[in-house]
């Protein structure tokens, strides 16, 4: 995950230009993504991982976009395949810096997509549950018990 940086706790009105201005001092950037829904975080991708190391060391805890930002290396995808910071393709609600749109993107394959594509078994279908109330089970009357008990 070297070269990819998570920027958290930034203001909801942060722009990719503001983020780019802070980080480009440390080296060439590949892309800057700013989350819009929910707002408050961004991802920066450096061409050289050493530049990312320098940015994390120097910018963590500094004021950025009106708030004290948290700057750290992006985390790898979680083992169960759930979402994590900056692993593969960004969510649709992230905005890509207009100055960086012309550059090629390298998203790679996610493990989940590869395993689904390589699998020979048909895809699983989710069980659909009824929205109607559960049925009550009707019990047949039991035969009467005899009053004499054996011990």
C-alpha atoms as a PDB file:
ATOM      1  CA  UNK A   1       0.000   0.000   0.000  1.00  0.00           C
ATOM      2  CA  UNK A   2       3.026   2.272  -0.171  1.00  0.00           C
ATOM      3  CA  UNK A   3       2.383   5.490  -2.059  1.00  0.00           C
ATOM      4  CA  UNK A   4      -1.274   5.690  -1.002  1.00  0.00           C
ATOM      5  CA  UNK A   5      -2.195   8.058   1.805  1.00  0.00           C
ATOM      6  CA  UNK A   6      -5.434   8.452   3.770  1.00  0.00           C
ATOM      7  CA  UNK A   7      -6.333  11.984   4.855  1.00  0.00           C
ATOM      8  CA  UNK A   8      -9.022  12.036   7.538  1.00  0.00           C
ATOM      9  CA  UNK A   9     -10.819  14.561   9.698  1.00  0.00           C
ATOM     10  CA  UNK A  10     -10.878  17.264   7.037  1.00  0.00           C
ATOM     11  CA  UNK A  11     -13.729  19.712   6.618  1.00  0.00           C
ATOM     12  CA  UNK A  12     -16.842  18.735   4.649  1.00  0.00           C
ATOM     13  CA  UNK A  13     -16.123  21.481   2.106  1.00  0.00           C
ATOM     14  CA  UNK A  14     -12.557  20.341   1.357  1.00  0.00           C
ATOM     15  CA  UNK A  15     -11.606  20.424  -2.310  1.00  0.00           C
ATOM     16  CA  UNK A  16      -9.169  18.277  -4.234  1.00  0.00           C
ATOM     17  CA  UNK A  17      -7.247  21.425  -5.135  1.00  0.00           C
ATOM     18  CA  UNK A  18      -6.672  22.252  -1.440  1.00  0.00           C
ATOM     19  CA  UNK A  19      -5.490  18.718  -0.728  1.00  0.00           C
ATOM     20  CA  UNK A  20      -3.329  18.664  -3.841  1.00  0.00           C
ATOM     21  CA  UNK A  21      -1.693  21.958  -2.890  1.00  0.00           C
ATOM     22  CA  UNK A  22      -0.630  20.553   0.513  1.00  0.00           C
ATOM     23  CA  UNK A  23       0.691  17.238  -0.815  1.00  0.00           C
ATOM     24  CA  UNK A  24       2.365  18.160  -4.101  1.00  0.00           C
ATOM     25  CA  UNK A  25       5.222  19.743  -2.139  1.00  0.00           C
ATOM     26  CA  UNK A  26       6.348  16.198  -1.264  1.00  0.00           C
ATOM     27  CA  UNK A  27       6.466  14.768  -4.796  1.00  0.00           C
ATOM     28  CA  UNK A  28       4.526  13.954  -7.968  1.00  0.00           C
ATOM     29  CA  UNK A  29       0.933  12.924  -7.365  1.00  0.00           C
ATOM     30  CA  UNK A  30      -0.963  10.355  -9.410  1.00  0.00           C
ATOM     31  CA  UNK A  31      -4.442  11.196  -8.120  1.00  0.00           C
ATOM     32  CA  UNK A  32      -6.331  12.983  -5.369  1.00  0.00           C
ATOM     33  CA  UNK A  33      -9.779  11.724  -4.348  1.00  0.00           C
ATOM     34  CA  UNK A  34     -12.054  13.644  -2.003  1.00  0.00           C
ATOM     35  CA  UNK A  35     -15.099  11.911  -0.518  1.00  0.00           C
ATOM     36  CA  UNK A  36     -18.406  13.719  -0.873  1.00  0.00           C
ATOM     37  CA  UNK A  37     -20.919  11.341   0.680  1.00  0.00           C
ATOM     38  CA  UNK A  38     -19.987  11.090   3.531  1.00  0.00           C
ATOM     39  CA  UNK A  39     -17.557  14.009   3.441  1.00  0.00           C
ATOM     40  CA  UNK A  40     -14.532  14.494   5.650  1.00  0.00           C
ATOM     41  CA  UNK A  41     -11.777  12.367   4.146  1.00  0.00           C
ATOM     42  CA  UNK A  42      -9.626  11.997   1.045  1.00  0.00           C
ATOM     43  CA  UNK A  43      -6.997   9.767  -0.549  1.00  0.00           C
ATOM     44  CA  UNK A  44      -3.762  10.860  -2.189  1.00  0.00           C
ATOM     45  CA  UNK A  45      -1.706   8.599  -4.443  1.00  0.00           C
ATOM     46  CA  UNK A  46       1.985   9.403  -4.901  1.00  0.00           C
ATOM     47  CA  UNK A  47       4.121   8.106  -7.753  1.00  0.00           C
ATOM     48  CA  UNK A  48       7.001   7.390  -5.349  1.00  0.00           C
ATOM     49  CA  UNK A  49       6.266   5.634  -2.022  1.00  0.00           C
ATOM     50  CA  UNK A  50       9.078   7.556  -0.310  1.00  0.00           C
ATOM     51  CA  UNK A  51       7.203  10.789  -0.990  1.00  0.00           C
ATOM     52  CA  UNK A  52       4.160   9.308   0.740  1.00  0.00           C
ATOM     53  CA  UNK A  53       6.303   8.439   3.772  1.00  0.00           C
ATOM     54  CA  UNK A  54       7.548  12.037   3.983  1.00  0.00           C
ATOM     55  CA  UNK A  55       4.021  13.463   3.658  1.00  0.00           C
ATOM     56  CA  UNK A  56       2.626  11.188   6.369  1.00  0.00           C
ATOM     57  CA  UNK A  57       5.470  12.100   8.733  1.00  0.00           C
ATOM     58  CA  UNK A  58       5.218  15.862   8.141  1.00  0.00           C
ATOM     59  CA  UNK A  59       1.486  16.482   7.623  1.00  0.00           C
ATOM     60  CA  UNK A  60      -0.147  14.298  10.288  1.00  0.00           C
ATOM     61  CA  UNK A  61      -1.822  16.613  12.806  1.00  0.00           C
ATOM     62  CA  UNK A  62      -1.439  19.781  10.729  1.00  0.00           C
ATOM     63  CA  UNK A  63      -4.320  22.093   9.872  1.00  0.00           C
ATOM     64  CA  UNK A  64      -5.823  21.350   6.481  1.00  0.00           C
ATOM     65  CA  UNK A  65      -9.091  22.629   5.015  1.00  0.00           C
ATOM     66  CA  UNK A  66      -9.944  24.344   8.297  1.00  0.00           C
ATOM     67  CA  UNK A  67      -9.440  21.291  10.544  1.00  0.00           C
ATOM     68  CA  UNK A  68      -6.630  19.332  12.178  1.00  0.00           C
ATOM     69  CA  UNK A  69      -6.133  16.481   9.713  1.00  0.00           C
ATOM     70  CA  UNK A  70      -5.148  12.891  10.325  1.00  0.00           C
ATOM     71  CA  UNK A  71      -2.662  11.731   7.662  1.00  0.00           C
ATOM     72  CA  UNK A  72      -1.618   8.078   7.526  1.00  0.00           C
ATOM     73  CA  UNK A  73      -0.763   5.325   5.069  1.00  0.00           C
ATOM     74  CA  UNK A  74      -3.839   3.768   3.479  1.00  0.00           C
ATOM     75  CA  UNK A  75      -4.763   0.335   4.801  1.00  0.00           C
ATOM     76  CA  UNK A  76      -4.952  -2.847   2.741  1.00  0.00           C
ATOM     77  CA  UNK A  77      -8.248  -4.598   2.029  1.00  0.00           C
ATOM     78  CA  UNK A  78      -9.622  -6.407   5.037  1.00  0.00           C
ATOM     79  CA  UNK A  79      -9.300 -10.236   4.961  1.00  0.00           C
ATOM     80  CA  UNK A  80     -13.054 -10.802   4.758  1.00  0.00           C
ATOM     81  CA  UNK A  81     -13.298  -8.739   1.593  1.00  0.00           C
ATOM     82  CA  UNK A  82     -15.050  -5.788   3.162  1.00  0.00           C
ATOM     83  CA  UNK A  83     -14.368  -2.176   2.348  1.00  0.00           C
ATOM     84  CA  UNK A  84     -11.195  -0.543   3.496  1.00  0.00           C
ATOM     85  CA  UNK A  85      -9.343   2.652   2.835  1.00  0.00           C
ATOM     86  CA  UNK A  86      -8.295   3.026  -0.783  1.00  0.00           C
ATOM     87  CA  UNK A  87      -8.161  -0.596  -1.837  1.00  0.00           C
ATOM     88  CA  UNK A  88      -8.697  -0.867  -5.562  1.00  0.00           C
ATOM     89  CA  UNK A  89     -11.275   1.277  -7.324  1.00  0.00           C
ATOM     90  CA  UNK A  90     -12.637   4.267  -5.389  1.00  0.00           C
ATOM     91  CA  UNK A  91     -16.339   4.475  -4.500  1.00  0.00           C
ATOM     92  CA  UNK A  92     -18.567   6.361  -6.945  1.00  0.00           C
ATOM     93  CA  UNK A  93     -19.106   9.208  -4.510  1.00  0.00           C
ATOM     94  CA  UNK A  94     -15.469  10.308  -4.625  1.00  0.00           C
ATOM     95  CA  UNK A  95     -14.454  13.238  -6.768  1.00  0.00           C
ATOM     96  CA  UNK A  96     -11.254  13.051  -8.798  1.00  0.00           C
ATOM     97  CA  UNK A  97      -9.180  16.190  -9.162  1.00  0.00           C
ATOM     98  CA  UNK A  98      -9.855  17.901 -12.498  1.00  0.00           C
ATOM     99  CA  UNK A  99      -6.121  18.393 -13.135  1.00  0.00           C
ATOM    100  CA  UNK A 100      -5.491  14.684 -12.791  1.00  0.00           C
ATOM    101  CA  UNK A 101      -8.262  13.292 -15.006  1.00  0.00           C
ATOM    102  CA  UNK A 102      -6.019  12.983 -18.072  1.00  0.00           C
ATOM    103  CA  UNK A 103      -3.612  10.548 -16.407  1.00  0.00           C
ATOM    104  CA  UNK A 104      -4.063   6.783 -16.785  1.00  0.00           C
ATOM    105  CA  UNK A 105      -5.436   4.955 -13.782  1.00  0.00           C
ATOM    106  CA  UNK A 106      -4.229   1.644 -12.430  1.00  0.00           C
ATOM    107  CA  UNK A 107      -6.914   0.126 -10.221  1.00  0.00           C
ATOM    108  CA  UNK A 108      -5.801  -3.524 -10.359  1.00  0.00           C
ATOM    109  CA  UNK A 109      -8.115  -6.411  -9.534  1.00  0.00           C
ATOM    110  CA  UNK A 110      -9.661  -6.928  -6.168  1.00  0.00           C
ATOM    111  CA  UNK A 111      -9.465 -10.409  -4.648  1.00  0.00           C
ATOM    112  CA  UNK A 112     -13.215 -10.731  -4.525  1.00  0.00           C
ATOM    113  CA  UNK A 113     -13.649  -9.967  -8.238  1.00  0.00           C
ATOM    114  CA  UNK A 114     -10.915 -12.433  -9.228  1.00  0.00           C
ATOM    115  CA  UNK A 115     -12.309 -15.288  -7.129  1.00  0.00           C
ATOM    116  CA  UNK A 116     -15.819 -14.694  -8.451  1.00  0.00           C
ATOM    117  CA  UNK A 117     -14.597 -14.661 -12.051  1.00  0.00           C
ATOM    118  CA  UNK A 118     -12.398 -17.773 -11.645  1.00  0.00           C
ATOM    119  CA  UNK A 119     -15.083 -19.812  -9.934  1.00  0.00           C
ATOM    120  CA  UNK A 120     -16.735 -22.560 -11.995  1.00  0.00           C
ATOM    121  CA  UNK A 121     -19.771 -22.960  -9.759  1.00  0.00           C
ATOM    122  CA  UNK A 122     -22.891 -20.933 -10.555  1.00  0.00           C
ATOM    123  CA  UNK A 123     -23.398 -17.766  -8.509  1.00  0.00           C
ATOM    124  CA  UNK A 124     -25.270 -18.178  -5.241  1.00  0.00           C
ATOM    125  CA  UNK A 125     -28.711 -16.718  -4.970  1.00  0.00           C
ATOM    126  CA  UNK A 126     -29.781 -14.988  -1.833  1.00  0.00           C
ATOM    127  CA  UNK A 127     -32.750 -16.427  -0.049  1.00  0.00           C
ATOM    128  CA  UNK A 128     -35.725 -14.133  -0.267  1.00  0.00           C
ATOM    129  CA  UNK A 129     -37.842 -13.912   2.822  1.00  0.00           C
ATOM    130  CA  UNK A 130     -41.561 -13.409   2.811  1.00  0.00           C
ATOM    131  CA  UNK A 131     -42.871 -10.091   4.039  1.00  0.00           C
ATOM    132  CA  UNK A 132     -46.100 -11.632   5.293  1.00  0.00           C
ATOM    133  CA  UNK A 133     -46.459 -12.513   8.982  1.00  0.00           C
ATOM    134  CA  UNK A 134     -45.324 -16.006   9.963  1.00  0.00           C
ATOM    135  CA  UNK A 135     -47.908 -18.743   9.720  1.00  0.00           C
ATOM    136  CA  UNK A 136     -49.309 -20.127  12.942  1.00  0.00           C
ATOM    137  CA  UNK A 137     -48.972 -23.851  13.287  1.00  0.00           C
ATOM    138  CA  UNK A 138     -52.214 -25.610  13.968  1.00  0.00           C
ATOM    139  CA  UNK A 139     -52.057 -28.410  16.458  1.00  0.00           C
ATOM    140  CA  UNK A 140     -54.436 -31.326  16.355  1.00  0.00           C
ATOM    141  CA  UNK A 141     -56.159 -32.045  19.627  1.00  0.00           C
ATOM    142  CA  UNK A 142     -54.376 -34.646  21.747  1.00  0.00           C
ATOM    143  CA  UNK A 143     -56.213 -37.714  22.921  1.00  0.00           C
ATOM    144  CA  UNK A 144     -57.416 -37.379  26.509  1.00  0.00           C
ATOM    145  CA  UNK A 145     -55.065 -38.675  29.164  1.00  0.00           C
ATOM    146  CA  UNK A 146     -56.148 -41.441  31.389  1.00  0.00           C
ATOM    147  CA  UNK A 147     -56.522 -40.498  35.008  1.00  0.00           C
ATOM    148  CA  UNK A 148     -54.812 -43.586  36.349  1.00  0.00           C
ATOM    149  CA  UNK A 149     -51.068 -43.363  36.581  1.00  0.00           C
ATOM    150  CA  UNK A 150     -48.711 -46.239  36.846  1.00  0.00           C
ATOM    151  CA  UNK A 151     -45.715 -45.984  39.093  1.00  0.00           C
END
